[in-house]
Protein backbone atom coordinates (compact mmCIF):
# COMPACT_ATOMS: atom_id res chain seq x y z
CA UNK A 1 10.91 -19.42 -15.86
CA UNK A 2 10.65 -15.75 -16.03
CA UNK A 3 9.58 -14.14 -13.15
CA UNK A 4 8.39 -10.30 -12.47
CA UNK A 5 8.49 -8.44 -9.36
CA UNK A 6 6.68 -5.42 -8.46
CA UNK A 7 8.93 -2.71 -6.17
CA UNK A 8 7.37 0.37 -5.29
CA UNK A 9 9.01 3.51 -3.63
CA UNK A 10 8.18 4.46 -0.04
CA UNK A 11 9.22 6.47 2.75
CA UNK A 12 12.19 4.63 4.70
CA UNK A 13 10.16 2.79 7.65
CA UNK A 14 12.53 4.86 9.82
CA UNK A 15 11.20 7.83 9.19
CA UNK A 16 8.06 9.54 11.37
CA UNK A 17 6.24 10.58 8.41
CA UNK A 18 4.42 14.07 9.16
CA UNK A 19 1.91 16.57 7.45
CA UNK A 20 2.28 19.55 5.51
CA UNK A 21 2.02 23.00 6.78
CA UNK A 22 -1.20 23.19 5.00
CA UNK A 23 -2.12 19.64 5.93
CA UNK A 24 -2.56 18.79 2.54
CA UNK A 25 -0.36 16.02 2.33
CA UNK A 26 2.38 13.78 3.68
CA UNK A 27 5.52 16.31 3.71
CA UNK A 28 8.53 14.28 1.07
CA UNK A 29 10.74 17.39 1.62
CA UNK A 30 14.35 15.77 2.40
CA UNK A 31 13.01 12.62 3.61
CA UNK A 32 15.04 9.05 3.34
CA UNK A 33 13.17 7.42 0.27
CA UNK A 34 13.68 3.14 0.26
CA UNK A 35 12.02 0.34 -1.39
CA UNK A 36 9.42 -0.74 0.18
CA UNK A 37 9.97 -3.50 2.89
CA UNK A 38 7.41 -6.26 1.54
CA UNK A 39 8.65 -5.34 -2.37
CA UNK A 40 12.27 -6.14 -0.57
CA UNK A 41 10.85 -9.39 0.27
CA UNK A 42 9.41 -10.27 -3.16
CA UNK A 43 12.67 -9.69 -5.18
CA UNK A 44 14.80 -11.95 -2.66
CA UNK A 45 12.54 -14.54 -2.80
CA UNK A 46 12.76 -14.14 -6.57
CA UNK A 47 16.61 -13.87 -6.52
CA UNK A 48 16.77 -17.44 -4.38
CA UNK A 49 14.74 -19.10 -7.27
CA UNK A 50 17.13 -17.78 -10.14
CA UNK A 51 20.00 -18.97 -7.75
CA UNK A 52 18.50 -22.89 -7.49
CA UNK A 53 18.33 -22.85 -11.27
CA UNK A 54 14.31 -22.22 -11.16
CA UNK A 55 14.00 -19.00 -12.89
CA UNK A 56 15.88 -17.87 -16.21
CA UNK A 57 15.16 -13.94 -15.76
CA UNK A 58 13.61 -11.70 -13.37
CA UNK A 59 12.16 -8.42 -14.01
CA UNK A 60 11.76 -5.40 -11.61
CA UNK A 61 8.84 -2.86 -12.38
CA UNK A 62 7.88 0.27 -10.62
CA UNK A 63 5.07 2.73 -11.19
CA UNK A 64 6.30 6.14 -10.07
CA UNK A 65 8.71 9.36 -10.56
CA UNK A 66 12.12 9.34 -12.12
CA UNK A 67 13.63 8.89 -8.71
CA UNK A 68 12.22 5.54 -8.74
CA UNK A 69 15.09 4.70 -10.95
CA UNK A 70 16.97 4.52 -7.38
CA UNK A 71 14.80 1.59 -5.91
CA UNK A 72 14.81 -0.27 -9.10
CA UNK A 73 18.72 0.10 -9.30
CA UNK A 74 18.60 -1.77 -6.02
CA UNK A 75 16.87 -4.00 -7.01
CA UNK A 76 19.45 -4.62 -9.93
CA UNK A 77 22.01 -4.83 -7.35
CA UNK A 78 20.26 -7.51 -5.20
CA UNK A 79 20.25 -9.74 -8.55
CA UNK A 80 17.67 -8.21 -10.93
CA UNK A 81 18.33 -9.17 -14.98
CA UNK A 82 16.66 -5.56 -16.18
CA UNK A 83 13.81 -3.43 -14.61
CA UNK A 84 11.22 -1.19 -16.23
CA UNK A 85 10.32 2.09 -14.71
CA UNK A 86 6.46 3.23 -15.73
CA UNK A 87 6.91 7.03 -15.09
CA UNK A 88 4.37 9.11 -14.00
CA UNK A 89 4.10 12.26 -11.81
CA UNK A 90 0.56 11.53 -10.09
CA UNK A 91 -0.53 9.26 -7.31
CA UNK A 92 -2.03 5.86 -8.75
CA UNK A 93 -4.63 3.98 -6.84
CA UNK A 94 -4.45 0.55 -6.14
CA UNK A 95 -6.66 -0.20 -9.41
CA UNK A 96 -4.56 2.05 -11.53
CA UNK A 97 -1.06 -0.01 -10.71
CA UNK A 98 -2.56 -2.78 -11.23
CA UNK A 99 -3.69 -1.90 -14.93
CA UNK A 100 -0.07 -0.72 -15.25
CA UNK A 101 1.23 -4.10 -13.98
CA UNK A 102 -1.17 -5.90 -16.43
CA UNK A 103 -0.14 -4.11 -19.42
CA UNK A 104 3.89 -4.78 -18.68
CA UNK A 105 2.75 -8.05 -18.38
CA UNK A 106 0.91 -8.96 -21.38
CA UNK A 107 4.50 -7.74 -22.92
CA UNK A 108 7.01 -9.72 -20.82
CA UNK A 109 4.35 -12.84 -20.76
CA UNK A 110 5.76 -13.77 -16.99
CA UNK A 111 5.23 -16.92 -15.44
CA UNK A 112 5.08 -15.56 -12.22
CA UNK A 113 4.42 -12.52 -10.57
CA UNK A 114 5.87 -11.72 -7.35
CA UNK A 115 5.07 -8.37 -5.16
CA UNK A 116 4.47 -7.35 -1.43
CA UNK A 117 1.25 -8.22 -0.20
CA UNK A 118 1.05 -4.26 0.52
CA UNK A 119 2.98 -1.35 0.72
CA UNK A 120 3.66 0.80 4.01
CA UNK A 121 2.16 4.29 2.77
CA UNK A 122 -1.33 3.39 1.35
CA UNK A 123 -1.37 0.05 3.33
CA UNK A 124 -4.11 -1.20 1.05
CA UNK A 125 -3.33 -4.98 0.52
CA UNK A 126 -5.56 -4.77 -3.01
CA UNK A 127 -2.96 -4.56 -6.03
CA UNK A 128 -1.82 -8.23 -5.62
CA UNK A 129 -5.43 -9.69 -5.91
CA UNK A 130 -6.87 -6.90 -9.00
CA UNK A 131 -4.03 -7.63 -10.71
CA UNK A 132 -4.91 -11.62 -10.70
CA UNK A 133 -8.60 -10.92 -11.49
CA UNK A 134 -7.26 -8.42 -14.49
CA UNK A 135 -4.71 -11.40 -15.51
CA UNK A 136 -7.28 -13.75 -14.87
CA UNK A 137 -5.07 -16.75 -13.26
CA UNK A 138 -3.98 -17.96 -10.05
CA UNK A 139 -2.83 -15.62 -6.86
CA UNK A 140 -1.83 -16.80 -3.66
CA UNK A 141 -1.69 -13.76 -0.70
CA UNK A 142 0.35 -13.47 2.31
CA UNK A 143 3.10 -16.14 1.51
CA UNK A 144 5.22 -17.33 4.03
CA UNK A 145 6.96 -20.07 1.79
CA UNK A 146 7.08 -20.48 -1.82
CA UNK A 147 7.99 -24.04 -3.75
CA UNK A 148 8.08 -24.11 -7.41
CA UNK A 149 7.12 -27.85 -8.77
CA UNK A 150 6.60 -28.79 -12.07
CA UNK A 151 4.40 -26.30 -14.04
CA UNK A 152 2.83 -25.42 -10.60
CA UNK A 153 3.93 -23.68 -7.69
CA UNK A 154 3.14 -24.37 -3.49
CA UNK A 155 2.27 -21.36 -1.94
CA UNK A 156 2.20 -21.75 2.35
CA UNK A 157 -0.03 -19.15 3.40
CA UNK A 158 -0.59 -17.90 7.24
CA UNK A 159 -4.43 -17.71 7.91
CA UNK A 160 -6.55 -17.47 10.83
CA UNK A 161 -6.90 -21.09 12.25
CA UNK A 162 -3.12 -21.98 10.92
CA UNK A 163 -1.24 -22.43 7.20
CA UNK A 164 -3.04 -23.20 4.53
CA UNK A 165 -1.23 -24.62 1.38
CA UNK A 166 -2.53 -23.73 -1.98
CA UNK A 167 -1.28 -25.59 -5.56
CA UNK A 168 -1.07 -22.81 -8.06
CA UNK A 169 -1.18 -23.33 -11.99
CA UNK A 170 1.72 -21.02 -13.72
CA UNK A 171 1.21 -18.01 -14.57
CA UNK A 172 0.15 -17.18 -10.65
CA UNK A 173 0.73 -13.95 -8.60
CA UNK A 174 2.27 -14.15 -5.45
CA UNK A 175 2.40 -11.57 -2.74
CA UNK A 176 5.05 -11.94 0.06
CA UNK A 177 4.31 -11.48 3.57
CA UNK A 178 7.07 -10.88 6.44
CA UNK A 179 8.25 -14.57 7.34
CA UNK A 180 8.74 -15.47 3.56
CA UNK A 181 12.33 -14.72 3.57
CA UNK A 182 15.00 -12.45 4.99
CA UNK A 183 16.12 -9.89 2.03
CA UNK A 184 20.42 -9.51 1.53
CA UNK A 185 22.19 -6.46 1.66
CA UNK A 186 23.33 -4.71 -2.10
CA UNK A 187 27.23 -5.62 -2.12
CA UNK A 188 29.33 -2.94 -3.43
CA UNK A 189 30.61 -4.67 -6.50
CA UNK A 190 26.99 -5.58 -7.16
CA UNK A 191 25.53 -2.23 -6.79
CA UNK A 192 28.39 -1.03 -9.34
CA UNK A 193 27.32 -4.12 -11.90
CA UNK A 194 23.80 -2.89 -11.34
CA UNK A 195 24.84 0.73 -13.71
CA UNK A 196 25.01 -0.97 -16.52
CA UNK A 197 22.00 -3.45 -16.48
CA UNK A 198 19.44 -2.29 -18.63
CA UNK A 199 16.56 0.14 -17.09
CA UNK A 200 13.47 0.95 -19.74
CA UNK A 201 11.28 3.91 -19.31
CA UNK A 202 7.60 3.42 -20.12
CA UNK A 203 4.93 5.92 -19.72
CA UNK A 204 0.79 5.55 -19.22
CA UNK A 205 0.17 6.66 -22.42
CA UNK A 206 2.54 4.04 -23.94
CA UNK A 207 1.10 1.35 -21.99
CA UNK A 208 -2.29 2.68 -22.79
CA UNK A 209 -3.67 2.93 -19.25
CA UNK A 210 -6.14 5.29 -17.59
CA UNK A 211 -5.07 6.43 -14.02
CA UNK A 212 -7.99 8.52 -13.52
CA UNK A 213 -8.31 8.79 -9.93
CA UNK A 214 -11.75 7.26 -8.33
CA UNK A 215 -10.83 8.90 -4.89
CA UNK A 216 -10.48 12.81 -3.76
CA UNK A 217 -7.72 13.44 -1.07
CA UNK A 218 -8.98 15.96 1.49
CA UNK A 219 -6.50 16.46 3.72
CA UNK A 220 -3.68 14.62 6.02
CA UNK A 221 -3.71 14.83 9.85
CA UNK A 222 -1.85 13.42 12.33
CA UNK A 223 -3.20 11.44 15.05
CA UNK A 224 -4.30 13.47 18.46
CA UNK A 225 -1.53 12.85 20.73
CA UNK A 226 -2.37 10.33 23.98
CA UNK A 227 -2.04 11.78 27.04
CA UNK A 228 0.34 10.28 29.39
CA UNK A 229 -0.82 6.96 31.73
CA UNK A 230 -0.85 7.30 35.47
CA UNK A 231 0.17 4.68 37.93
CA UNK A 232 -2.44 3.76 40.63
CA UNK A 233 -1.70 2.22 44.09
CA UNK A 234 -4.76 -0.08 44.30
CA UNK A 235 -7.62 -1.45 42.34
CA UNK A 236 -10.35 1.25 44.77
CA UNK A 237 -8.43 4.24 42.75
CA UNK A 238 -8.56 2.36 39.43
CA UNK A 239 -11.88 2.31 39.82
CA UNK A 240 -12.58 6.05 40.73
CA UNK A 241 -10.26 7.31 38.16
CA UNK A 242 -12.46 5.14 35.41
CA UNK A 243 -15.47 6.45 36.89
CA UNK A 244 -15.16 10.18 37.79
CA UNK A 245 -12.27 11.11 35.37
CA UNK A 246 -12.54 9.14 32.48
CA UNK A 247 -15.86 8.59 32.73
CA UNK A 248 -15.93 5.08 31.20
CA UNK A 249 -17.95 3.22 33.84
CA UNK A 250 -20.38 4.32 36.25
């Protein structure tokens, strides 16, 4: 079974993001970048399936600037066999990303496509669903457990009412949730070995993908700062402040 894992370069989750001076976009100058946490979980699941003898090859794919090679090398150090970078400097919307991944899938013909349920920068939670629609294949979102069966895959996902288990025909698209697994750290020997693993570079033109934006970013502003809370001594004082200061009750 061939597994394709989509990963994305994002601002590290420990970094407090801020806007540019002119509020035109997020300030990325001298900011630590990392692999999207949900994508790390997807890579880990692919590696575990290979360790169980259920996968023959793992291919990681990223769409972005040349610096995205750093995250692809990390995925190679974690256990992927080879990587593909679809290089572009323009920011892509979820539909354009899905189209790029479909073009790569058409070339590679994977049996299983794994990806994070969302990225922590856009939080769109759209690409996996769009890719499955474009490919015309099964999909299982918010996966908390994945079990590969004979020609099928069982995906347990969390829903409002509890847990739901889907039996999907392959090929299928599965998006990873936080509870699917706990990603490992790349060891130093594997980091060194990753430098020798293949990393191919493609362009949007080579894939024949139209990545024209359908939305326009007007500006980026930080949320309004909240005032510090206060302590009240009793219910009477609380009601008085809600009525006369906050004016949320009458």
